[in-house]
Amino acid sequence: MNSCYNIIMLKFKISNPSWASKLSDELCQEYMINLQTFLNDELKHQKNIYPPSHLLFNALELTPFEEIKVVILGQDPYPTRHHAHGLAFSVQDGIFPLPKSLKNINIELMSDLGIDNAHRGNLEEWAKQGVLMINSVLSVEEGRTNSHKNIGWERFTDKIIKIVNDACQNVVFILWGANAQKKGSFIDSKKHHIITSAHPSPLSAYRDFFGSRVFSKTNDYLKQHHKKEINWQLSKIQK
């Protein structure tokens, strides 16, 4: 690895070797250096930034590149203390009530496959099965949704989508809402399967998110292409 990569790694550390090798050059780009400077300045001014810095790339850490079967795109992290942990739509264990978007995801999952995940909001078990849950923007200031929009994260996550599109085959891309669907321009629909609908937010879920049967459609496609289906059922929290 070059020296620039090592400098960036002091803050932007990607430990998963399958992703580190693919993103090392990107982490050296000027916009990423500027993004790191911005975040450092925010922290110096004692602003609370979520998720914690060691979880910024949690989606990449939990889902190795070579195991990706599904990509779920979100907008930005939850701006609430203890909620965000680097996975789109997921919250840390012990968070109740669940965020409204996640509640609606669970409603659709129950309607689609009869699976009840109301007991848990941590989606790490999906990530470990090959579901990359990545937000378009990877950080947020406490209490301010979209506060880190247009500071550079979108370019970085565009790169991630392009890498998956170019190097993988038969991945299911789940694009909920207009922001996620913008990244559809980087996805080759001849190589992959794209599922779009409204965002699961209470403001839009009634349009066509409910009834979209995204979970069964995803598994049907994986099965057709001889890939192991996703077990969407979350286990009980171990005490």
Protein backbone atom coordinates (compact mmCIF):
# COMPACT_ATOMS: atom_id res chain seq x y z
CA MET A 1 0.00 0.00 0.00
CA ASN A 2 1.26 3.49 -0.74
CA SER A 3 1.93 6.15 1.87
CA CYS A 4 -1.16 8.16 0.98
CA TYR A 5 -3.35 5.16 1.75
CA ASN A 6 -1.67 4.73 5.14
CA ILE A 7 -2.32 8.37 6.02
CA ILE A 8 -6.01 8.06 5.18
CA MET A 9 -6.22 4.81 7.10
CA LEU A 10 -5.59 6.72 10.35
CA LYS A 11 -9.23 7.77 10.14
CA PHE A 12 -10.75 5.89 7.22
CA LYS A 13 -9.70 2.37 8.03
CA ILE A 14 -11.01 -0.49 5.92
CA SER A 15 -9.80 -3.74 7.45
CA ASN A 16 -11.56 -6.15 5.11
CA PRO A 17 -8.82 -7.00 2.58
CA SER A 18 -11.26 -7.71 -0.25
CA TRP A 19 -12.47 -4.10 -0.10
CA ALA A 20 -9.22 -2.45 0.99
CA SER A 21 -7.47 -3.64 -2.15
CA LYS A 22 -10.22 -2.24 -4.37
CA LEU A 23 -10.61 1.12 -2.64
CA SER A 24 -7.04 2.02 -1.69
CA ASP A 25 -6.62 4.35 -4.67
CA GLU A 26 -10.00 5.97 -4.04
CA LEU A 27 -9.08 6.71 -0.43
CA CYS A 28 -6.13 8.73 -1.76
CA GLN A 29 -8.27 10.98 -3.93
CA GLU A 30 -8.31 14.66 -2.98
CA TYR A 31 -12.04 14.64 -2.29
CA MET A 32 -11.60 11.87 0.30
CA ILE A 33 -8.77 13.75 1.99
CA ASN A 34 -11.01 16.82 2.09
CA LEU A 35 -13.85 14.73 3.49
CA GLN A 36 -11.63 13.43 6.27
CA THR A 37 -10.53 16.98 7.07
CA PHE A 38 -14.17 18.06 7.24
CA LEU A 39 -15.04 15.29 9.67
CA ASN A 40 -12.00 16.02 11.83
CA ASP A 41 -12.99 19.69 11.98
CA GLU A 42 -16.54 18.76 12.97
CA LEU A 43 -15.23 16.56 15.77
CA LYS A 44 -12.85 19.29 16.93
CA HIS A 45 -15.88 21.54 17.29
CA GLN A 46 -17.41 18.87 19.54
CA LYS A 47 -20.17 17.91 17.16
CA ASN A 48 -21.57 14.42 17.53
CA ILE A 49 -21.09 12.47 14.31
CA TYR A 50 -22.75 9.12 13.63
CA PRO A 51 -21.90 6.33 13.26
CA PRO A 52 -18.72 6.30 15.40
CA SER A 53 -15.62 6.56 13.22
CA HIS A 54 -14.70 2.89 13.67
CA LEU A 55 -18.08 1.92 12.16
CA LEU A 56 -18.07 4.21 9.12
CA PHE A 57 -17.24 1.30 6.82
CA ASN A 58 -19.07 -1.40 8.77
CA ALA A 59 -21.07 -2.45 5.69
CA LEU A 60 -17.81 -3.23 3.88
CA GLU A 61 -16.32 -4.98 6.89
CA LEU A 62 -19.28 -7.33 7.37
CA THR A 63 -19.90 -8.19 3.71
CA PRO A 64 -16.74 -9.28 1.85
CA PHE A 65 -16.69 -8.27 -1.79
CA GLU A 66 -16.57 -11.82 -3.10
CA GLU A 67 -19.69 -12.78 -1.10
CA ILE A 68 -22.02 -10.03 -2.33
CA LYS A 69 -25.38 -11.30 -3.53
CA VAL A 70 -27.65 -8.35 -2.72
CA VAL A 71 -27.11 -4.59 -2.42
CA ILE A 72 -29.58 -2.47 -0.44
CA LEU A 73 -29.04 1.27 -0.85
CA GLY A 74 -30.04 3.76 1.81
CA GLN A 75 -29.79 7.54 2.13
CA ASP A 76 -27.75 8.43 5.19
CA PRO A 77 -27.32 7.13 8.77
CA TYR A 78 -29.86 7.60 11.53
CA PRO A 79 -29.01 10.91 13.26
CA THR A 80 -29.89 9.53 16.70
CA ARG A 81 -27.47 8.46 19.41
CA HIS A 82 -26.78 4.70 19.53
CA HIS A 83 -28.84 4.01 16.40
CA ALA A 84 -26.44 4.12 13.43
CA HIS A 85 -23.74 1.48 13.15
CA GLY A 86 -22.76 1.62 9.50
CA LEU A 87 -25.48 -0.54 7.93
CA ALA A 88 -28.30 1.07 5.96
CA PHE A 89 -31.67 0.84 7.77
CA SER A 90 -30.15 -1.19 10.64
CA VAL A 91 -29.88 -0.13 14.29
CA GLN A 92 -27.79 -1.45 17.13
CA ASP A 93 -29.21 -4.12 19.42
CA GLY A 94 -31.46 -2.88 22.20
CA ILE A 95 -32.96 0.03 20.26
CA PHE A 96 -36.74 0.25 20.71
CA PRO A 97 -39.02 1.42 19.33
CA LEU A 98 -37.53 0.69 15.94
CA PRO A 99 -37.21 3.56 13.42
CA LYS A 100 -40.33 3.98 11.32
CA SER A 101 -38.66 2.99 8.04
CA LEU A 102 -37.41 -0.22 9.61
CA LYS A 103 -40.87 -0.92 11.01
CA ASN A 104 -42.26 -0.64 7.50
CA ILE A 105 -39.57 -2.98 6.17
CA ASN A 106 -40.69 -5.50 8.77
CA ILE A 107 -44.35 -5.03 7.80
CA GLU A 108 -43.53 -5.79 4.17
CA LEU A 109 -41.39 -8.77 5.16
CA MET A 110 -44.27 -10.19 7.19
CA SER A 111 -46.70 -9.64 4.31
CA ASP A 112 -44.31 -11.10 1.75
CA LEU A 113 -42.81 -14.12 3.53
CA GLY A 114 -44.61 -14.34 6.87
CA ILE A 115 -41.40 -13.47 8.74
CA ASP A 116 -41.71 -11.45 11.95
CA ASN A 117 -38.59 -9.43 12.79
CA ALA A 118 -40.27 -6.97 15.14
CA HIS A 119 -38.07 -8.22 17.99
CA ARG A 120 -34.84 -6.89 16.51
CA GLY A 121 -33.50 -4.04 14.39
CA ASN A 122 -29.88 -5.13 14.00
CA LEU A 123 -29.51 -6.48 10.45
CA GLU A 124 -25.95 -7.79 10.74
CA GLU A 125 -27.19 -11.31 10.04
CA TRP A 126 -28.30 -10.18 6.58
CA ALA A 127 -24.92 -8.53 5.97
CA LYS A 128 -23.09 -11.74 6.86
CA GLN A 129 -25.11 -13.62 4.22
CA GLY A 130 -23.97 -11.34 1.41
CA VAL A 131 -26.37 -8.40 1.69
CA LEU A 132 -24.38 -5.18 1.33
CA MET A 133 -26.41 -2.50 3.12
CA ILE A 134 -24.73 0.75 2.19
CA ASN A 135 -25.94 4.32 2.54
CA SER A 136 -25.25 6.87 -0.16
CA VAL A 137 -23.83 9.13 2.57
CA LEU A 138 -21.86 7.41 5.33
CA SER A 139 -21.99 9.98 8.14
CA VAL A 140 -24.39 12.47 9.71
CA GLU A 141 -24.44 15.09 12.45
CA GLU A 142 -26.63 14.30 15.43
CA GLY A 143 -30.19 15.48 14.93
CA ARG A 144 -29.63 16.70 11.37
CA THR A 145 -30.71 14.32 8.62
CA ASN A 146 -28.83 14.92 5.34
CA SER A 147 -26.34 17.21 7.11
CA HIS A 148 -23.40 15.52 5.36
CA LYS A 149 -24.96 15.47 1.92
CA ASN A 150 -22.71 16.68 -0.91
CA ILE A 151 -19.43 16.63 1.01
CA GLY A 152 -17.96 13.74 -0.96
CA TRP A 153 -19.56 10.53 0.29
CA GLU A 154 -21.80 10.20 -2.77
CA ARG A 155 -18.77 9.99 -5.06
CA PHE A 156 -17.24 7.31 -2.85
CA THR A 157 -20.38 5.18 -2.76
CA ASP A 158 -20.83 5.65 -6.51
CA LYS A 159 -17.42 4.03 -6.82
CA ILE A 160 -18.52 1.10 -4.67
CA ILE A 161 -21.59 0.51 -6.83
CA LYS A 162 -19.51 0.71 -10.02
CA ILE A 163 -17.04 -1.85 -8.65
CA VAL A 164 -19.82 -4.28 -7.77
CA ASN A 165 -21.50 -3.74 -11.12
CA ASP A 166 -18.34 -4.30 -13.14
CA ALA A 167 -16.77 -7.21 -11.25
CA CYS A 168 -19.80 -9.22 -10.06
CA GLN A 169 -22.53 -11.18 -11.79
CA ASN A 170 -26.21 -11.63 -10.97
CA VAL A 171 -26.41 -9.30 -7.97
CA VAL A 172 -29.80 -8.04 -6.80
CA PHE A 173 -29.80 -4.25 -6.38
CA ILE A 174 -32.64 -2.99 -4.18
CA LEU A 175 -33.21 0.71 -4.80
CA TRP A 176 -35.72 2.23 -2.41
CA GLY A 177 -36.61 5.84 -3.14
CA ALA A 178 -35.40 8.51 -5.55
CA ASN A 179 -31.94 8.96 -4.02
CA ALA A 180 -31.09 5.28 -4.28
CA GLN A 181 -32.56 5.04 -7.77
CA LYS A 182 -30.14 7.71 -9.02
CA LYS A 183 -27.38 5.15 -8.62
CA GLY A 184 -29.24 2.86 -10.99
CA SER A 185 -27.44 4.60 -13.84
CA PHE A 186 -24.27 2.74 -12.80
CA ILE A 187 -25.91 -0.68 -12.88
CA ASP A 188 -26.07 -2.95 -15.92
CA SER A 189 -29.53 -4.51 -15.89
CA LYS A 190 -28.33 -7.21 -18.31
CA LYS A 191 -25.87 -8.51 -15.71
CA HIS A 192 -27.86 -7.82 -12.55
CA HIS A 193 -31.41 -7.62 -11.26
CA ILE A 194 -32.71 -4.20 -10.18
CA ILE A 195 -35.73 -3.89 -7.88
CA THR A 196 -37.13 -0.40 -7.35
CA SER A 197 -39.95 0.97 -5.25
CA ALA A 198 -40.79 3.90 -3.02
CA HIS A 199 -38.71 4.42 0.10
CA PRO A 200 -40.01 2.60 3.22
CA SER A 201 -40.37 5.91 5.02
CA PRO A 202 -43.90 6.58 6.34
CA LEU A 203 -44.00 9.53 3.93
CA SER A 204 -43.74 7.32 0.85
CA ALA A 205 -44.16 3.63 1.72
CA TYR A 206 -47.87 3.71 0.82
CA ARG A 207 -47.04 4.42 -2.84
CA ASP A 208 -45.58 1.12 -3.97
CA PHE A 209 -43.24 -0.10 -1.24
CA PHE A 210 -45.99 -2.05 0.49
CA GLY A 211 -46.88 -4.99 -1.71
CA SER A 212 -43.60 -4.87 -3.64
CA ARG A 213 -42.63 -8.38 -2.40
CA VAL A 214 -38.98 -7.40 -2.61
CA PHE A 215 -37.76 -10.18 -0.31
CA SER A 216 -39.35 -13.08 -2.17
CA LYS A 217 -38.40 -11.56 -5.53
CA THR A 218 -34.79 -11.32 -4.37
CA ASN A 219 -34.68 -14.95 -3.29
CA ASP A 220 -36.41 -16.10 -6.48
CA TYR A 221 -33.70 -14.42 -8.55
CA LEU A 222 -30.88 -15.83 -6.45
CA LYS A 223 -32.35 -19.31 -6.72
CA GLN A 224 -32.68 -18.97 -10.49
CA HIS A 225 -28.96 -18.18 -10.66
CA HIS A 226 -27.93 -21.04 -8.37
CA LYS A 227 -27.09 -18.85 -5.39
CA LYS A 228 -28.08 -19.54 -1.82
CA GLU A 229 -31.19 -17.63 -0.83
CA ILE A 230 -31.14 -15.06 1.98
CA ASN A 231 -32.60 -16.13 5.32
CA TRP A 232 -34.37 -12.90 6.22
CA GLN A 233 -35.41 -14.17 9.67
CA LEU A 234 -33.36 -12.54 12.44
CA SER A 235 -32.44 -14.61 15.48
CA LYS A 236 -33.39 -13.69 19.01
CA ILE A 237 -30.82 -11.58 20.84
CA GLN A 238 -28.52 -13.75 22.87
CA LYS A 239 -28.55 -12.91 26.59
